Amino acid sequence: MDDAVRVRDAAREAVADIAPDRLREVLFEHLSAAPMTPAVLALVSARAPDTGVETDADGLAERAAGVQLIYEGLRLTRSLAREEPWTAALEDGSGDIQADLDILAADVLVSRGFYLLARTDAADRAVDVVRAFGRDQTLRRGDGADVDALDRNLESDVFALAVVTGMTAVGATPSPAVLEYAADLGRDCDADGELQPADAAFSEATAERIASLSAVGSGSDDRVPSSATDS
């Protein structure tokens, strides 16, 4: 099965019990339209290091889906903050229900993503990603803020989370160098303001680069601290 299909199915399964039906439909709509790029990067990162650790494919897909759900929830939150759809709804009397559903959907996506990563070595980093997102969204409202750079930090941090999620699943410890590489991938992985699909964003060279940087373990400034191990 294709990686993107596998993680999309896992993400949909993670929210399949959400009620009411209309909210679940909104969640499915967002997941159906989204490129599974962060989740696929988690799978690529799990396969990159040669640790000899056997992993359950379904369990790994579930972890990868956790990364994707967190990203989709934060991305939707960012979009709502930019567009403020409730303002238009107040002006013309329409669209308020959809805006409310999107707000709820964003919360559900993030919370289910946390649930899937809660007992993994990526849990603490996932929390740090959300905190960093909150700080960035506050800073972007300031005078003279570099809005584009602050917004793009989300992709940078989520890609690093994906690498942590994938590598720790096979018993590897991500080096600062590989986290910096992942962050750079996130900053560059766009086409006309949209996240590239995984098949365009990654290649065999991506996994090779992750593997080589993990072995080198050179230092870097890591914007979001590495996750702690499970307690």
C-alpha atoms as a PDB file:
ATOM      1  CA  MET A   1       0.000   0.000   0.000  1.00  0.00           C
ATOM      2  CA  ASP A   2       1.198   3.517  -0.820  1.00  0.00           C
ATOM      3  CA  ASP A   3       2.523   5.419   2.212  1.00  0.00           C
ATOM      4  CA  ALA A   4       0.145   8.343   1.722  1.00  0.00           C
ATOM      5  CA  VAL A   5      -2.847   6.010   1.462  1.00  0.00           C
ATOM      6  CA  ARG A   6      -1.759   4.087   4.560  1.00  0.00           C
ATOM      7  CA  VAL A   7      -1.401   7.154   6.766  1.00  0.00           C
ATOM      8  CA  ARG A   8      -4.560   8.784   5.417  1.00  0.00           C
ATOM      9  CA  ASP A   9      -6.510   5.647   6.346  1.00  0.00           C
ATOM     10  CA  ALA A  10      -4.947   5.687   9.819  1.00  0.00           C
ATOM     11  CA  ALA A  11      -5.803   9.368  10.288  1.00  0.00           C
ATOM     12  CA  ARG A  12      -9.404   8.805   9.218  1.00  0.00           C
ATOM     13  CA  GLU A  13      -9.693   5.825  11.558  1.00  0.00           C
ATOM     14  CA  ALA A  14      -8.471   7.971  14.446  1.00  0.00           C
ATOM     15  CA  VAL A  15     -11.432  10.345  14.081  1.00  0.00           C
ATOM     16  CA  ALA A  16     -14.039   7.843  12.865  1.00  0.00           C
ATOM     17  CA  ASP A  17     -15.877   7.840  16.205  1.00  0.00           C
ATOM     18  CA  ILE A  18     -16.341  11.610  16.372  1.00  0.00           C
ATOM     19  CA  ALA A  19     -19.919  12.848  16.683  1.00  0.00           C
ATOM     20  CA  PRO A  20     -22.069  14.521  15.483  1.00  0.00           C
ATOM     21  CA  ASP A  21     -22.002  13.197  11.946  1.00  0.00           C
ATOM     22  CA  ARG A  22     -21.539  16.612  10.342  1.00  0.00           C
ATOM     23  CA  LEU A  23     -18.408  17.317  12.383  1.00  0.00           C
ATOM     24  CA  ARG A  24     -16.992  13.918  11.421  1.00  0.00           C
ATOM     25  CA  GLU A  25     -17.723  14.721   7.771  1.00  0.00           C
ATOM     26  CA  VAL A  26     -15.783  17.986   8.085  1.00  0.00           C
ATOM     27  CA  LEU A  27     -12.833  16.113   9.575  1.00  0.00           C
ATOM     28  CA  PHE A  28     -12.903  13.592   6.737  1.00  0.00           C
ATOM     29  CA  GLU A  29     -13.106  16.402   4.176  1.00  0.00           C
ATOM     30  CA  HIS A  30      -9.983  18.063   5.563  1.00  0.00           C
ATOM     31  CA  LEU A  31      -8.068  14.790   5.681  1.00  0.00           C
ATOM     32  CA  SER A  32      -9.162  13.761   2.198  1.00  0.00           C
ATOM     33  CA  ALA A  33      -7.940  17.036   0.694  1.00  0.00           C
ATOM     34  CA  ALA A  34      -4.648  17.209   2.602  1.00  0.00           C
ATOM     35  CA  PRO A  35      -1.294  15.992   1.295  1.00  0.00           C
ATOM     36  CA  MET A  36      -0.006  13.494   3.834  1.00  0.00           C
ATOM     37  CA  THR A  37       3.495  14.951   3.635  1.00  0.00           C
ATOM     38  CA  PRO A  38       4.373  15.183   7.366  1.00  0.00           C
ATOM     39  CA  ALA A  39       3.020  11.688   8.041  1.00  0.00           C
ATOM     40  CA  VAL A  40       4.907  10.189   5.116  1.00  0.00           C
ATOM     41  CA  LEU A  41       8.105  11.848   6.359  1.00  0.00           C
ATOM     42  CA  ALA A  42       7.623   9.994   9.650  1.00  0.00           C
ATOM     43  CA  LEU A  43       7.537   6.703   7.725  1.00  0.00           C
ATOM     44  CA  VAL A  44      10.576   7.685   5.658  1.00  0.00           C
ATOM     45  CA  SER A  45      12.438   8.558   8.863  1.00  0.00           C
ATOM     46  CA  ALA A  46      11.562   5.219  10.452  1.00  0.00           C
ATOM     47  CA  ARG A  47      13.058   3.373   7.499  1.00  0.00           C
ATOM     48  CA  ALA A  48      16.192   5.521   7.220  1.00  0.00           C
ATOM     49  CA  PRO A  49      18.328   4.358  10.184  1.00  0.00           C
ATOM     50  CA  ASP A  50      19.561   0.764  10.260  1.00  0.00           C
ATOM     51  CA  THR A  51      18.702  -0.106  13.860  1.00  0.00           C
ATOM     52  CA  GLY A  52      17.538  -3.666  13.313  1.00  0.00           C
ATOM     53  CA  VAL A  53      14.350  -2.924  15.269  1.00  0.00           C
ATOM     54  CA  GLU A  54      11.233  -4.525  13.835  1.00  0.00           C
ATOM     55  CA  THR A  55       8.141  -2.306  13.879  1.00  0.00           C
ATOM     56  CA  ASP A  56       4.477  -3.023  13.431  1.00  0.00           C
ATOM     57  CA  ALA A  57       3.353  -1.361  10.189  1.00  0.00           C
ATOM     58  CA  ASP A  58      -0.063  -0.433  11.568  1.00  0.00           C
ATOM     59  CA  GLY A  59       1.442   0.977  14.753  1.00  0.00           C
ATOM     60  CA  LEU A  60       3.924   3.058  12.789  1.00  0.00           C
ATOM     61  CA  ALA A  61       1.165   4.357  10.508  1.00  0.00           C
ATOM     62  CA  GLU A  62      -0.817   5.321  13.587  1.00  0.00           C
ATOM     63  CA  ARG A  63       2.101   7.336  14.970  1.00  0.00           C
ATOM     64  CA  ALA A  64       2.583   9.003  11.608  1.00  0.00           C
ATOM     65  CA  ALA A  65      -1.121   9.829  11.540  1.00  0.00           C
ATOM     66  CA  GLY A  66      -0.695  11.522  14.913  1.00  0.00           C
ATOM     67  CA  VAL A  67       1.813  13.911  13.351  1.00  0.00           C
ATOM     68  CA  GLN A  68      -0.545  14.577  10.449  1.00  0.00           C
ATOM     69  CA  LEU A  69      -3.541  15.249  12.681  1.00  0.00           C
ATOM     70  CA  ILE A  70      -1.606  17.764  14.758  1.00  0.00           C
ATOM     71  CA  TYR A  71      -0.418  19.506  11.613  1.00  0.00           C
ATOM     72  CA  GLU A  72      -3.884  19.602  10.053  1.00  0.00           C
ATOM     73  CA  GLY A  73      -5.391  21.033  13.225  1.00  0.00           C
ATOM     74  CA  LEU A  74      -2.758  23.755  13.557  1.00  0.00           C
ATOM     75  CA  ARG A  75      -2.808  24.510   9.832  1.00  0.00           C
ATOM     76  CA  LEU A  76      -6.579  24.945   9.986  1.00  0.00           C
ATOM     77  CA  THR A  77      -6.220  27.172  13.036  1.00  0.00           C
ATOM     78  CA  ARG A  78      -3.679  29.293  11.158  1.00  0.00           C
ATOM     79  CA  SER A  79      -6.018  29.561   8.183  1.00  0.00           C
ATOM     80  CA  LEU A  80      -8.918  30.627  10.385  1.00  0.00           C
ATOM     81  CA  ALA A  81      -6.752  33.262  12.066  1.00  0.00           C
ATOM     82  CA  ARG A  82      -5.793  34.662   8.654  1.00  0.00           C
ATOM     83  CA  GLU A  83      -9.247  34.668   7.101  1.00  0.00           C
ATOM     84  CA  GLU A  84     -11.447  35.311  10.179  1.00  0.00           C
ATOM     85  CA  PRO A  85     -14.494  33.692   8.508  1.00  0.00           C
ATOM     86  CA  TRP A  86     -16.771  34.595  11.407  1.00  0.00           C
ATOM     87  CA  THR A  87     -16.363  38.283  10.455  1.00  0.00           C
ATOM     88  CA  ALA A  88     -17.847  37.664   7.016  1.00  0.00           C
ATOM     89  CA  ALA A  89     -20.523  35.493   8.597  1.00  0.00           C
ATOM     90  CA  LEU A  90     -21.603  38.362  10.824  1.00  0.00           C
ATOM     91  CA  GLU A  91     -21.727  40.742   7.888  1.00  0.00           C
ATOM     92  CA  ASP A  92     -23.878  38.681   5.526  1.00  0.00           C
ATOM     93  CA  GLY A  93     -25.607  36.334   7.961  1.00  0.00           C
ATOM     94  CA  SER A  94     -24.239  33.145   6.394  1.00  0.00           C
ATOM     95  CA  GLY A  95     -21.355  30.806   6.902  1.00  0.00           C
ATOM     96  CA  ASP A  96     -21.261  31.005  10.682  1.00  0.00           C
ATOM     97  CA  ILE A  97     -22.059  27.314  11.165  1.00  0.00           C
ATOM     98  CA  GLN A  98     -19.234  26.212   8.852  1.00  0.00           C
ATOM     99  CA  ALA A  99     -16.792  28.521  10.644  1.00  0.00           C
ATOM    100  CA  ASP A 100     -17.841  27.050  13.996  1.00  0.00           C
ATOM    101  CA  LEU A 101     -17.420  23.528  12.638  1.00  0.00           C
ATOM    102  CA  ASP A 102     -13.935  24.350  11.376  1.00  0.00           C
ATOM    103  CA  ILE A 103     -12.933  25.678  14.789  1.00  0.00           C
ATOM    104  CA  LEU A 104     -14.185  22.480  16.423  1.00  0.00           C
ATOM    105  CA  ALA A 105     -12.487  20.391  13.750  1.00  0.00           C
ATOM    106  CA  ALA A 106      -9.141  22.069  14.422  1.00  0.00           C
ATOM    107  CA  ASP A 107      -9.431  21.286  18.138  1.00  0.00           C
ATOM    108  CA  VAL A 108     -10.404  17.663  17.492  1.00  0.00           C
ATOM    109  CA  LEU A 109      -7.571  17.114  15.009  1.00  0.00           C
ATOM    110  CA  VAL A 110      -4.923  18.365  17.423  1.00  0.00           C
ATOM    111  CA  SER A 111      -6.323  16.481  20.407  1.00  0.00           C
ATOM    112  CA  ARG A 112      -6.548  13.187  18.500  1.00  0.00           C
ATOM    113  CA  GLY A 113      -3.017  13.700  17.227  1.00  0.00           C
ATOM    114  CA  PHE A 114      -1.847  14.104  20.810  1.00  0.00           C
ATOM    115  CA  TYR A 115      -3.715  10.952  21.769  1.00  0.00           C
ATOM    116  CA  LEU A 116      -1.911   8.903  19.118  1.00  0.00           C
ATOM    117  CA  LEU A 117       1.502  10.200  20.216  1.00  0.00           C
ATOM    118  CA  ALA A 118       0.834  10.271  23.962  1.00  0.00           C
ATOM    119  CA  ARG A 119       2.778   7.097  24.799  1.00  0.00           C
ATOM    120  CA  THR A 120       5.619   7.621  22.366  1.00  0.00           C
ATOM    121  CA  ASP A 121       9.004   9.304  22.580  1.00  0.00           C
ATOM    122  CA  ALA A 122       7.599  12.099  20.414  1.00  0.00           C
ATOM    123  CA  ALA A 123       4.971  13.180  22.970  1.00  0.00           C
ATOM    124  CA  ASP A 124       6.940  15.982  24.617  1.00  0.00           C
ATOM    125  CA  ARG A 125       8.055  17.362  21.295  1.00  0.00           C
ATOM    126  CA  ALA A 126       4.452  17.420  20.063  1.00  0.00           C
ATOM    127  CA  VAL A 127       3.557  19.600  23.046  1.00  0.00           C
ATOM    128  CA  ASP A 128       6.484  21.905  22.267  1.00  0.00           C
ATOM    129  CA  VAL A 129       5.339  22.234  18.641  1.00  0.00           C
ATOM    130  CA  VAL A 130       1.899  23.434  19.736  1.00  0.00           C
ATOM    131  CA  ARG A 131       3.405  25.860  22.231  1.00  0.00           C
ATOM    132  CA  ALA A 132       5.742  27.264  19.587  1.00  0.00           C
ATOM    133  CA  PHE A 133       2.803  27.660  17.218  1.00  0.00           C
ATOM    134  CA  GLY A 134       0.905  29.651  19.840  1.00  0.00           C
ATOM    135  CA  ARG A 135       3.877  31.955  20.406  1.00  0.00           C
ATOM    136  CA  ASP A 136       4.352  32.493  16.675  1.00  0.00           C
ATOM    137  CA  GLN A 137       0.698  33.305  16.125  1.00  0.00           C
ATOM    138  CA  THR A 138       0.890  35.875  18.911  1.00  0.00           C
ATOM    139  CA  LEU A 139       4.086  37.424  17.518  1.00  0.00           C
ATOM    140  CA  ARG A 140       2.694  37.655  13.977  1.00  0.00           C
ATOM    141  CA  ARG A 141       0.111  40.182  15.221  1.00  0.00           C
ATOM    142  CA  GLY A 142       2.830  42.595  16.310  1.00  0.00           C
ATOM    143  CA  ASP A 143       3.892  45.616  14.300  1.00  0.00           C
ATOM    144  CA  GLY A 144       6.594  44.823  11.763  1.00  0.00           C
ATOM    145  CA  ALA A 145       6.318  41.052  12.271  1.00  0.00           C
ATOM    146  CA  ASP A 146       7.644  38.817   9.510  1.00  0.00           C
ATOM    147  CA  VAL A 147       4.317  37.091   9.062  1.00  0.00           C
ATOM    148  CA  ASP A 148       5.433  34.670   6.349  1.00  0.00           C
ATOM    149  CA  ALA A 149       8.444  33.471   8.334  1.00  0.00           C
ATOM    150  CA  LEU A 150       6.430  33.041  11.516  1.00  0.00           C
ATOM    151  CA  ASP A 151       3.724  31.119   9.693  1.00  0.00           C
ATOM    152  CA  ARG A 152       6.261  28.883   7.965  1.00  0.00           C
ATOM    153  CA  ASN A 153       7.673  27.865  11.353  1.00  0.00           C
ATOM    154  CA  LEU A 154       4.728  25.491  11.650  1.00  0.00           C
ATOM    155  CA  GLU A 155       5.908  23.360   8.727  1.00  0.00           C
ATOM    156  CA  SER A 156       9.479  23.516  10.005  1.00  0.00           C
ATOM    157  CA  ASP A 157       8.520  22.311  13.480  1.00  0.00           C
ATOM    158  CA  VAL A 158       6.085  19.649  12.275  1.00  0.00           C
ATOM    159  CA  PHE A 159       8.641  18.149   9.892  1.00  0.00           C
ATOM    160  CA  ALA A 160      11.092  17.887  12.775  1.00  0.00           C
ATOM    161  CA  LEU A 161       8.336  16.252  14.843  1.00  0.00           C
ATOM    162  CA  ALA A 162       7.785  13.778  12.015  1.00  0.00           C
ATOM    163  CA  VAL A 163      11.455  12.787  12.018  1.00  0.00           C
ATOM    164  CA  VAL A 164      11.434  12.359  15.801  1.00  0.00           C
ATOM    165  CA  THR A 165       8.275  10.269  15.594  1.00  0.00           C
ATOM    166  CA  GLY A 166       9.639   7.989  12.907  1.00  0.00           C
ATOM    167  CA  MET A 167      13.166   7.531  14.201  1.00  0.00           C
ATOM    168  CA  THR A 168      12.249   6.940  17.843  1.00  0.00           C
ATOM    169  CA  ALA A 169       9.741   4.304  16.717  1.00  0.00           C
ATOM    170  CA  VAL A 170      12.692   2.167  15.617  1.00  0.00           C
ATOM    171  CA  GLY A 171      14.887   2.922  18.601  1.00  0.00           C
ATOM    172  CA  ALA A 172      16.979   5.680  16.994  1.00  0.00           C
ATOM    173  CA  THR A 173      17.786   9.027  18.587  1.00  0.00           C
ATOM    174  CA  PRO A 174      17.518  11.964  16.155  1.00  0.00           C
ATOM    175  CA  SER A 175      20.637  14.105  16.113  1.00  0.00           C
ATOM    176  CA  PRO A 176      20.494  17.914  16.118  1.00  0.00           C
ATOM    177  CA  ALA A 177      21.768  17.789  12.539  1.00  0.00           C
ATOM    178  CA  VAL A 178      18.921  15.624  11.277  1.00  0.00           C
ATOM    179  CA  LEU A 179      16.393  17.823  13.079  1.00  0.00           C
ATOM    180  CA  GLU A 180      17.846  20.884  11.410  1.00  0.00           C
ATOM    181  CA  TYR A 181      17.624  19.121   8.049  1.00  0.00           C
ATOM    182  CA  ALA A 182      13.971  18.262   8.714  1.00  0.00           C
ATOM    183  CA  ALA A 183      13.239  21.846   9.692  1.00  0.00           C
ATOM    184  CA  ASP A 184      14.785  23.075   6.439  1.00  0.00           C
ATOM    185  CA  LEU A 185      12.660  20.591   4.502  1.00  0.00           C
ATOM    186  CA  GLY A 186       9.581  22.044   6.144  1.00  0.00           C
ATOM    187  CA  ARG A 187      10.547  25.604   5.261  1.00  0.00           C
ATOM    188  CA  ASP A 188      11.152  24.679   1.628  1.00  0.00           C
ATOM    189  CA  CYS A 189       8.345  22.170   1.071  1.00  0.00           C
ATOM    190  CA  ASP A 190       5.791  24.380  -0.583  1.00  0.00           C
ATOM    191  CA  ALA A 191       4.449  25.132  -4.022  1.00  0.00           C
ATOM    192  CA  ASP A 192       2.480  28.346  -4.465  1.00  0.00           C
ATOM    193  CA  GLY A 193       1.903  28.514  -0.730  1.00  0.00           C
ATOM    194  CA  GLU A 194       0.663  24.925  -0.446  1.00  0.00           C
ATOM    195  CA  LEU A 195       2.454  21.953   1.036  1.00  0.00           C
ATOM    196  CA  GLN A 196       3.862  19.680  -1.650  1.00  0.00           C
ATOM    197  CA  PRO A 197       2.605  16.077  -1.758  1.00  0.00           C
ATOM    198  CA  ALA A 198       5.051  13.542  -0.405  1.00  0.00           C
ATOM    199  CA  ASP A 199       5.979  12.049  -3.771  1.00  0.00           C
ATOM    200  CA  ALA A 200       7.173  15.475  -4.925  1.00  0.00           C
ATOM    201  CA  ALA A 201       8.764  16.486  -1.626  1.00  0.00           C
ATOM    202  CA  PHE A 202      10.774  13.339  -0.837  1.00  0.00           C
ATOM    203  CA  SER A 203      12.968  10.906  -2.722  1.00  0.00           C
ATOM    204  CA  GLU A 204      15.398   8.125  -1.923  1.00  0.00           C
ATOM    205  CA  ALA A 205      17.951  10.838  -1.291  1.00  0.00           C
ATOM    206  CA  THR A 206      15.796  12.143   1.563  1.00  0.00           C
ATOM    207  CA  ALA A 207      16.068   8.879   3.494  1.00  0.00           C
ATOM    208  CA  GLU A 208      19.781   8.664   2.696  1.00  0.00           C
ATOM    209  CA  ARG A 209      20.324  12.176   4.003  1.00  0.00           C
ATOM    210  CA  ILE A 210      18.413  11.435   7.206  1.00  0.00           C
ATOM    211  CA  ALA A 211      20.472   8.287   7.729  1.00  0.00           C
ATOM    212  CA  SER A 212      23.797  10.031   7.106  1.00  0.00           C
ATOM    213  CA  LEU A 213      23.012  12.992   9.358  1.00  0.00           C
ATOM    214  CA  SER A 214      21.852  10.675  12.112  1.00  0.00           C
ATOM    215  CA  ALA A 215      25.208   8.927  11.989  1.00  0.00           C
ATOM    216  CA  VAL A 216      27.158  12.204  12.001  1.00  0.00           C
ATOM    217  CA  GLY A 217      25.212  13.815  14.843  1.00  0.00           C
ATOM    218  CA  SER A 218      26.688  17.283  14.343  1.00  0.00           C
ATOM    219  CA  GLY A 219      25.404  20.147  16.427  1.00  0.00           C
ATOM    220  CA  SER A 220      22.827  22.785  15.512  1.00  0.00           C
ATOM    221  CA  ASP A 221      20.435  25.231  17.096  1.00  0.00           C
ATOM    222  CA  ASP A 222      17.191  23.297  17.526  1.00  0.00           C
ATOM    223  CA  ARG A 223      14.177  25.646  17.658  1.00  0.00           C
ATOM    224  CA  VAL A 224      11.919  23.096  19.340  1.00  0.00           C
ATOM    225  CA  PRO A 225      13.740  20.925  21.927  1.00  0.00           C
ATOM    226  CA  SER A 226      14.137  17.210  21.263  1.00  0.00           C
ATOM    227  CA  SER A 227      11.501  15.040  22.892  1.00  0.00           C
ATOM    228  CA  ALA A 228      12.115  13.206  26.120  1.00  0.00           C
ATOM    229  CA  THR A 229      11.892   9.451  26.407  1.00  0.00           C
ATOM    230  CA  ASP A 230       8.760   7.741  27.658  1.00  0.00           C
ATOM    231  CA  SER A 231       8.248   7.655  31.373  1.00  0.00           C
END
